[in-house]
Amino acid sequence: MKYLDGQEVKLGDKVKLVQDAGGVVVCSIDTGEYCDAYPKTEWEYLKTGVVINFPLHGLIHYENPEPDLQLISRGPIP
């Protein structure tokens, strides 16, 4: 999946959704990348997209980019 600006969403990205600026990409189903806390065996059933963990919103699965989803910075794999 890509952000609306065309950049690829990557595991470990720090992202913002509206007022929740603490989101972290924890799974990229598209690229087959999963952090240890969210293993492939539990999330690959989703087939496409990414999973982002937000402090305020919790886990959200996206198959397509959300207009309000913004990349803050590239981060280490959580």
PDB file of N, CA and C in Angstrom:
ATOM      1  N   MET A   1       0.845  -1.173   0.000  1.00  0.00           N
ATOM      2  CA  MET A   1       0.000   0.000   0.000  1.00  0.00           C
ATOM      3  C   MET A   1       0.889   1.234   0.000  1.00  0.00           C
ATOM      4  N   LYS A   2       0.370   2.307  -0.549  1.00  0.00           N
ATOM      5  CA  LYS A   2       1.106   3.562  -0.599  1.00  0.00           C
ATOM      6  C   LYS A   2       0.296   4.659   0.077  1.00  0.00           C
ATOM      7  N   TYR A   3       1.019   5.620   0.652  1.00  0.00           N
ATOM      8  CA  TYR A   3       0.368   6.821   1.158  1.00  0.00           C
ATOM      9  C   TYR A   3      -0.150   7.607  -0.044  1.00  0.00           C
ATOM     10  N   LEU A   4      -1.022   8.557   0.202  1.00  0.00           N
ATOM     11  CA  LEU A   4      -1.580   9.341  -0.901  1.00  0.00           C
ATOM     12  C   LEU A   4      -0.516  10.105  -1.677  1.00  0.00           C
ATOM     13  N   ASP A   5       0.637  10.392  -1.032  1.00  0.00           N
ATOM     14  CA  ASP A   5       1.712  11.106  -1.733  1.00  0.00           C
ATOM     15  C   ASP A   5       2.571  10.180  -2.592  1.00  0.00           C
ATOM     16  N   GLY A   6       2.232   8.878  -2.617  1.00  0.00           N
ATOM     17  CA  GLY A   6       2.935   7.927  -3.466  1.00  0.00           C
ATOM     18  C   GLY A   6       4.032   7.129  -2.790  1.00  0.00           C
ATOM     19  N   GLN A   7       4.414   7.487  -1.564  1.00  0.00           N
ATOM     20  CA  GLN A   7       5.441   6.736  -0.844  1.00  0.00           C
ATOM     21  C   GLN A   7       4.877   5.407  -0.353  1.00  0.00           C
ATOM     22  N   GLU A   8       5.708   4.386  -0.369  1.00  0.00           N
ATOM     23  CA  GLU A   8       5.321   3.058   0.100  1.00  0.00           C
ATOM     24  C   GLU A   8       5.177   3.065   1.623  1.00  0.00           C
ATOM     25  N   VAL A   9       4.112   2.449   2.141  1.00  0.00           N
ATOM     26  CA  VAL A   9       3.951   2.257   3.584  1.00  0.00           C
ATOM     27  C   VAL A   9       4.883   1.127   3.989  1.00  0.00           C
ATOM     28  N   LYS A  10       5.714   1.365   5.026  1.00  0.00           N
ATOM     29  CA  LYS A  10       6.699   0.372   5.444  1.00  0.00           C
ATOM     30  C   LYS A  10       6.541   0.023   6.918  1.00  0.00           C
ATOM     31  N   LEU A  11       6.918  -1.202   7.247  1.00  0.00           N
ATOM     32  CA  LEU A  11       6.898  -1.662   8.628  1.00  0.00           C
ATOM     33  C   LEU A  11       7.731  -0.716   9.484  1.00  0.00           C
ATOM     34  N   GLY A  12       7.176  -0.290  10.620  1.00  0.00           N
ATOM     35  CA  GLY A  12       7.875   0.612  11.526  1.00  0.00           C
ATOM     36  C   GLY A  12       7.601   2.081  11.293  1.00  0.00           C
ATOM     37  N   ASP A  13       6.913   2.426  10.197  1.00  0.00           N
ATOM     38  CA  ASP A  13       6.591   3.832   9.946  1.00  0.00           C
ATOM     39  C   ASP A  13       5.811   4.410  11.111  1.00  0.00           C
ATOM     40  N   LYS A  14       6.153   5.643  11.476  1.00  0.00           N
ATOM     41  CA  LYS A  14       5.385   6.407  12.454  1.00  0.00           C
ATOM     42  C   LYS A  14       4.398   7.243  11.650  1.00  0.00           C
ATOM     43  N   VAL A  15       3.118   7.152  12.021  1.00  0.00           N
ATOM     44  CA  VAL A  15       2.083   7.817  11.237  1.00  0.00           C
ATOM     45  C   VAL A  15       1.111   8.592  12.116  1.00  0.00           C
ATOM     46  N   LYS A  16       0.381   9.477  11.469  1.00  0.00           N
ATOM     47  CA  LYS A  16      -0.619  10.304  12.138  1.00  0.00           C
ATOM     48  C   LYS A  16      -1.963  10.076  11.471  1.00  0.00           C
ATOM     49  N   LEU A  17      -3.004   9.951  12.279  1.00  0.00           N
ATOM     50  CA  LEU A  17      -4.379   9.880  11.795  1.00  0.00           C
ATOM     51  C   LEU A  17      -5.175  10.905  12.576  1.00  0.00           C
ATOM     52  N   VAL A  18      -5.543  11.981  11.934  1.00  0.00           N
ATOM     53  CA  VAL A  18      -6.234  13.113  12.549  1.00  0.00           C
ATOM     54  C   VAL A  18      -5.390  13.603  13.726  1.00  0.00           C
ATOM     55  N   GLN A  19      -5.881  13.467  14.980  1.00  0.00           N
ATOM     56  CA  GLN A  19      -5.138  13.961  16.138  1.00  0.00           C
ATOM     57  C   GLN A  19      -4.246  12.904  16.774  1.00  0.00           C
ATOM     58  N   ASP A  20      -4.335  11.665  16.327  1.00  0.00           N
ATOM     59  CA  ASP A  20      -3.540  10.581  16.913  1.00  0.00           C
ATOM     60  C   ASP A  20      -2.232  10.439  16.137  1.00  0.00           C
ATOM     61  N   ALA A  21      -1.175  11.059  16.675  1.00  0.00           N
ATOM     62  CA  ALA A  21       0.114  11.078  15.979  1.00  0.00           C
ATOM     63  C   ALA A  21       1.049   9.965  16.427  1.00  0.00           C
ATOM     64  N   GLY A  22       0.540   8.986  17.159  1.00  0.00           N
ATOM     65  CA  GLY A  22       1.407   7.943  17.690  1.00  0.00           C
ATOM     66  C   GLY A  22       1.294   6.608  17.006  1.00  0.00           C
ATOM     67  N   GLY A  23       0.754   6.557  15.803  1.00  0.00           N
ATOM     68  CA  GLY A  23       0.561   5.289  15.112  1.00  0.00           C
ATOM     69  C   GLY A  23       1.860   4.689  14.608  1.00  0.00           C
ATOM     70  N   VAL A  24       1.920   3.351  14.626  1.00  0.00           N
ATOM     71  CA  VAL A  24       3.082   2.623  14.113  1.00  0.00           C
ATOM     72  C   VAL A  24       2.577   1.490  13.223  1.00  0.00           C
ATOM     73  N   VAL A  25       3.160   1.371  12.039  1.00  0.00           N
ATOM     74  CA  VAL A  25       2.822   0.266  11.138  1.00  0.00           C
ATOM     75  C   VAL A  25       3.429  -1.006  11.719  1.00  0.00           C
ATOM     76  N   VAL A  26       2.566  -1.969  12.093  1.00  0.00           N
ATOM     77  CA  VAL A  26       3.034  -3.204  12.744  1.00  0.00           C
ATOM     78  C   VAL A  26       2.980  -4.416  11.824  1.00  0.00           C
ATOM     79  N   CYS A  27       2.259  -4.319  10.719  1.00  0.00           N
ATOM     80  CA  CYS A  27       2.203  -5.395   9.720  1.00  0.00           C
ATOM     81  C   CYS A  27       2.059  -4.775   8.340  1.00  0.00           C
ATOM     82  N   SER A  28       2.791  -5.321   7.396  1.00  0.00           N
ATOM     83  CA  SER A  28       2.576  -4.992   5.991  1.00  0.00           C
ATOM     84  C   SER A  28       2.280  -6.302   5.288  1.00  0.00           C
ATOM     85  N   ILE A  29       1.011  -6.598   5.157  1.00  0.00           N
ATOM     86  CA  ILE A  29       0.600  -7.846   4.526  1.00  0.00           C
ATOM     87  C   ILE A  29       1.062  -7.851   3.067  1.00  0.00           C
ATOM     88  N   ASP A  30       1.018  -6.691   2.427  1.00  0.00           N
ATOM     89  CA  ASP A  30       1.424  -6.574   1.021  1.00  0.00           C
ATOM     90  C   ASP A  30       2.859  -7.036   0.785  1.00  0.00           C
ATOM     91  N   THR A  31       3.759  -6.734   1.725  1.00  0.00           N
ATOM     92  CA  THR A  31       5.173  -7.085   1.557  1.00  0.00           C
ATOM     93  C   THR A  31       5.583  -8.303   2.379  1.00  0.00           C
ATOM     94  N   GLY A  32       4.644  -8.846   3.177  1.00  0.00           N
ATOM     95  CA  GLY A  32       4.956 -10.019   3.990  1.00  0.00           C
ATOM     96  C   GLY A  32       5.808  -9.711   5.203  1.00  0.00           C
ATOM     97  N   GLU A  33       5.745  -8.465   5.709  1.00  0.00           N
ATOM     98  CA  GLU A  33       6.538  -8.060   6.876  1.00  0.00           C
ATOM     99  C   GLU A  33       5.632  -7.908   8.093  1.00  0.00           C
ATOM    100  N   TYR A  34       6.080  -8.476   9.208  1.00  0.00           N
ATOM    101  CA  TYR A  34       5.302  -8.471  10.449  1.00  0.00           C
ATOM    102  C   TYR A  34       6.254  -8.273  11.616  1.00  0.00           C
ATOM    103  N   CYS A  35       5.877  -7.430  12.583  1.00  0.00           N
ATOM    104  CA  CYS A  35       6.721  -7.303  13.765  1.00  0.00           C
ATOM    105  C   CYS A  35       6.439  -8.491  14.692  1.00  0.00           C
ATOM    106  N   ASP A  36       7.318  -8.717  15.642  1.00  0.00           N
ATOM    107  CA  ASP A  36       7.219  -9.888  16.517  1.00  0.00           C
ATOM    108  C   ASP A  36       5.905  -9.954  17.292  1.00  0.00           C
ATOM    109  N   ALA A  37       5.389  -8.805  17.712  1.00  0.00           N
ATOM    110  CA  ALA A  37       4.161  -8.785  18.512  1.00  0.00           C
ATOM    111  C   ALA A  37       2.906  -9.086  17.688  1.00  0.00           C
ATOM    112  N   TYR A  38       3.018  -9.006  16.361  1.00  0.00           N
ATOM    113  CA  TYR A  38       1.889  -9.246  15.459  1.00  0.00           C
ATOM    114  C   TYR A  38       2.360 -10.208  14.363  1.00  0.00           C
ATOM    115  N   PRO A  39       2.497 -11.495  14.685  1.00  0.00           N
ATOM    116  CA  PRO A  39       3.104 -12.456  13.756  1.00  0.00           C
ATOM    117  C   PRO A  39       2.245 -12.753  12.527  1.00  0.00           C
ATOM    118  N   LYS A  40       2.932 -13.177  11.497  1.00  0.00           N
ATOM    119  CA  LYS A  40       2.299 -13.508  10.222  1.00  0.00           C
ATOM    120  C   LYS A  40       1.170 -14.518  10.393  1.00  0.00           C
ATOM    121  N   THR A  41       1.369 -15.511  11.242  1.00  0.00           N
ATOM    122  CA  THR A  41       0.362 -16.562  11.426  1.00  0.00           C
ATOM    123  C   THR A  41      -0.973 -16.018  11.912  1.00  0.00           C
ATOM    124  N   GLU A  42      -0.959 -14.868  12.578  1.00  0.00           N
ATOM    125  CA  GLU A  42      -2.197 -14.282  13.101  1.00  0.00           C
ATOM    126  C   GLU A  42      -2.822 -13.241  12.178  1.00  0.00           C
ATOM    127  N   TRP A  43      -2.056 -12.735  11.207  1.00  0.00           N
ATOM    128  CA  TRP A  43      -2.544 -11.604  10.420  1.00  0.00           C
ATOM    129  C   TRP A  43      -2.574 -11.823   8.918  1.00  0.00           C
ATOM    130  N   GLU A  44      -1.944 -12.863   8.396  1.00  0.00           N
ATOM    131  CA  GLU A  44      -1.896 -13.045   6.948  1.00  0.00           C
ATOM    132  C   GLU A  44      -3.264 -13.334   6.331  1.00  0.00           C
ATOM    133  N   TYR A  45      -4.239 -13.726   7.152  1.00  0.00           N
ATOM    134  CA  TYR A  45      -5.589 -13.982   6.630  1.00  0.00           C
ATOM    135  C   TYR A  45      -6.198 -12.730   6.007  1.00  0.00           C
ATOM    136  N   LEU A  46      -5.687 -11.556   6.352  1.00  0.00           N
ATOM    137  CA  LEU A  46      -6.225 -10.310   5.808  1.00  0.00           C
ATOM    138  C   LEU A  46      -5.917 -10.144   4.320  1.00  0.00           C
ATOM    139  N   LYS A  47      -4.888 -10.822   3.828  1.00  0.00           N
ATOM    140  CA  LYS A  47      -4.517 -10.906   2.409  1.00  0.00           C
ATOM    141  C   LYS A  47      -3.846  -9.663   1.826  1.00  0.00           C
ATOM    142  N   THR A  48      -4.338  -8.456   2.110  1.00  0.00           N
ATOM    143  CA  THR A  48      -3.736  -7.242   1.548  1.00  0.00           C
ATOM    144  C   THR A  48      -3.735  -6.121   2.572  1.00  0.00           C
ATOM    145  N   GLY A  49      -2.902  -5.114   2.313  1.00  0.00           N
ATOM    146  CA  GLY A  49      -2.913  -3.910   3.126  1.00  0.00           C
ATOM    147  C   GLY A  49      -1.885  -3.899   4.232  1.00  0.00           C
ATOM    148  N   VAL A  50      -2.158  -3.046   5.227  1.00  0.00           N
ATOM    149  CA  VAL A  50      -1.280  -2.879   6.379  1.00  0.00           C
ATOM    150  C   VAL A  50      -2.123  -2.824   7.646  1.00  0.00           C
ATOM    151  N   VAL A  51      -1.480  -3.080   8.788  1.00  0.00           N
ATOM    152  CA  VAL A  51      -2.120  -2.939  10.096  1.00  0.00           C
ATOM    153  C   VAL A  51      -1.317  -1.901  10.869  1.00  0.00           C
ATOM    154  N   ILE A  52      -2.025  -0.929  11.420  1.00  0.00           N
ATOM    155  CA  ILE A  52      -1.388   0.152  12.167  1.00  0.00           C
ATOM    156  C   ILE A  52      -1.957   0.166  13.575  1.00  0.00           C
ATOM    157  N   ASN A  53      -1.066   0.294  14.563  1.00  0.00           N
ATOM    158  CA  ASN A  53      -1.472   0.371  15.960  1.00  0.00           C
ATOM    159  C   ASN A  53      -1.420   1.832  16.405  1.00  0.00           C
ATOM    160  N   PHE A  54      -2.590   2.375  16.769  1.00  0.00           N
ATOM    161  CA  PHE A  54      -2.707   3.751  17.237  1.00  0.00           C
ATOM    162  C   PHE A  54      -3.017   3.767  18.727  1.00  0.00           C
ATOM    163  N   PRO A  55      -2.384   4.663  19.501  1.00  0.00           N
ATOM    164  CA  PRO A  55      -2.689   4.760  20.927  1.00  0.00           C
ATOM    165  C   PRO A  55      -4.165   5.067  21.204  1.00  0.00           C
ATOM    166  N   LEU A  56      -4.765   5.953  20.410  1.00  0.00           N
ATOM    167  CA  LEU A  56      -6.159   6.338  20.645  1.00  0.00           C
ATOM    168  C   LEU A  56      -7.162   5.449  19.922  1.00  0.00           C
ATOM    169  N   HIS A  57      -6.822   4.993  18.727  1.00  0.00           N
ATOM    170  CA  HIS A  57      -7.758   4.241  17.893  1.00  0.00           C
ATOM    171  C   HIS A  57      -7.577   2.730  17.974  1.00  0.00           C
ATOM    172  N   GLY A  58      -6.450   2.261  18.497  1.00  0.00           N
ATOM    173  CA  GLY A  58      -6.166   0.826  18.529  1.00  0.00           C
ATOM    174  C   GLY A  58      -5.672   0.338  17.182  1.00  0.00           C
ATOM    175  N   LEU A  59      -5.842  -0.955  16.925  1.00  0.00           N
ATOM    176  CA  LEU A  59      -5.392  -1.553  15.665  1.00  0.00           C
ATOM    177  C   LEU A  59      -6.385  -1.263  14.548  1.00  0.00           C
ATOM    178  N   ILE A  60      -5.866  -0.799  13.418  1.00  0.00           N
ATOM    179  CA  ILE A  60      -6.705  -0.544  12.250  1.00  0.00           C
ATOM    180  C   ILE A  60      -6.053  -1.202  11.042  1.00  0.00           C
ATOM    181  N   HIS A  61      -6.859  -1.952  10.290  1.00  0.00           N
ATOM    182  CA  HIS A  61      -6.395  -2.573   9.046  1.00  0.00           C
ATOM    183  C   HIS A  61      -6.835  -1.695   7.883  1.00  0.00           C
ATOM    184  N   TYR A  62      -5.889  -1.369   7.026  1.00  0.00           N
ATOM    185  CA  TYR A  62      -6.181  -0.582   5.827  1.00  0.00           C
ATOM    186  C   TYR A  62      -5.845  -1.405   4.596  1.00  0.00           C
ATOM    187  N   GLU A  63      -6.767  -1.459   3.662  1.00  0.00           N
ATOM    188  CA  GLU A  63      -6.486  -2.050   2.354  1.00  0.00           C
ATOM    189  C   GLU A  63      -6.146  -0.964   1.340  1.00  0.00           C
ATOM    190  N   ASN A  64      -6.622   0.231   1.616  1.00  0.00           N
ATOM    191  CA  ASN A  64      -6.378   1.396   0.763  1.00  0.00           C
ATOM    192  C   ASN A  64      -5.977   2.560   1.654  1.00  0.00           C
ATOM    193  N   PRO A  65      -5.240   3.518   1.116  1.00  0.00           N
ATOM    194  CA  PRO A  65      -4.810   4.642   1.944  1.00  0.00           C
ATOM    195  C   PRO A  65      -5.983   5.498   2.403  1.00  0.00           C
ATOM    196  N   GLU A  66      -5.922   5.908   3.627  1.00  0.00           N
ATOM    197  CA  GLU A  66      -6.903   6.807   4.234  1.00  0.00           C
ATOM    198  C   GLU A  66      -6.453   8.242   3.939  1.00  0.00           C
ATOM    199  N   PRO A  67      -7.338   9.113   3.480  1.00  0.00           N
ATOM    200  CA  PRO A  67      -6.930  10.489   3.178  1.00  0.00           C
ATOM    201  C   PRO A  67      -6.273  11.209   4.358  1.00  0.00           C
ATOM    202  N   ASP A  68      -6.677  10.891   5.589  1.00  0.00           N
ATOM    203  CA  ASP A  68      -6.127  11.562   6.766  1.00  0.00           C
ATOM    204  C   ASP A  68      -4.871  10.893   7.317  1.00  0.00           C
ATOM    205  N   LEU A  69      -4.418   9.794   6.717  1.00  0.00           N
ATOM    206  CA  LEU A  69      -3.233   9.075   7.188  1.00  0.00           C
ATOM    207  C   LEU A  69      -1.978   9.735   6.629  1.00  0.00           C
ATOM    208  N   GLN A  70      -1.089  10.178   7.532  1.00  0.00           N
ATOM    209  CA  GLN A  70       0.119  10.885   7.111  1.00  0.00           C
ATOM    210  C   GLN A  70       1.355  10.225   7.704  1.00  0.00           C
ATOM    211  N   LEU A  71       2.396  10.097   6.895  1.00  0.00           N
ATOM    212  CA  LEU A  71       3.687   9.608   7.364  1.00  0.00           C
ATOM    213  C   LEU A  71       4.369  10.708   8.160  1.00  0.00           C
ATOM    214  N   ILE A  72       4.790  10.377   9.388  1.00  0.00           N
ATOM    215  CA  ILE A  72       5.561  11.320  10.205  1.00  0.00           C
ATOM    216  C   ILE A  72       7.047  11.056  10.000  1.00  0.00           C
ATOM    217  N   SER A  73       7.440   9.777  10.135  1.00  0.00           N
ATOM    218  CA  SER A  73       8.848   9.410   9.953  1.00  0.00           C
ATOM    219  C   SER A  73       8.964   7.915   9.735  1.00  0.00           C
ATOM    220  N   ARG A  74      10.085   7.529   9.151  1.00  0.00           N
ATOM    221  CA  ARG A  74      10.409   6.114   9.028  1.00  0.00           C
ATOM    222  C   ARG A  74      11.020   5.699  10.355  1.00  0.00           C
ATOM    223  N   GLY A  75      10.626   4.538  10.850  1.00  0.00           N
ATOM    224  CA  GLY A  75      11.146   4.110  12.136  1.00  0.00           C
ATOM    225  C   GLY A  75      11.716   2.719  12.085  1.00  0.00           C
ATOM    226  N   PRO A  76      12.346   2.316  13.165  1.00  0.00           N
ATOM    227  CA  PRO A  76      12.840   0.938  13.228  1.00  0.00           C
ATOM    228  C   PRO A  76      11.671  -0.029  13.330  1.00  0.00           C
ATOM    229  N   ILE A  77      11.894  -1.251  12.944  1.00  0.00           N
ATOM    230  CA  ILE A  77      10.845  -2.265  13.047  1.00  0.00           C
ATOM    231  C   ILE A  77      10.535  -2.490  14.519  1.00  0.00           C
ATOM    232  N   PRO A  78       9.263  -2.345  14.891  1.00  0.00           N
ATOM    233  CA  PRO A  78       8.894  -2.478  16.319  1.00  0.00           C
ATOM    234  C   PRO A  78       9.019  -3.902  16.829  1.00  0.00           C
TER     235      PRO A  78
END
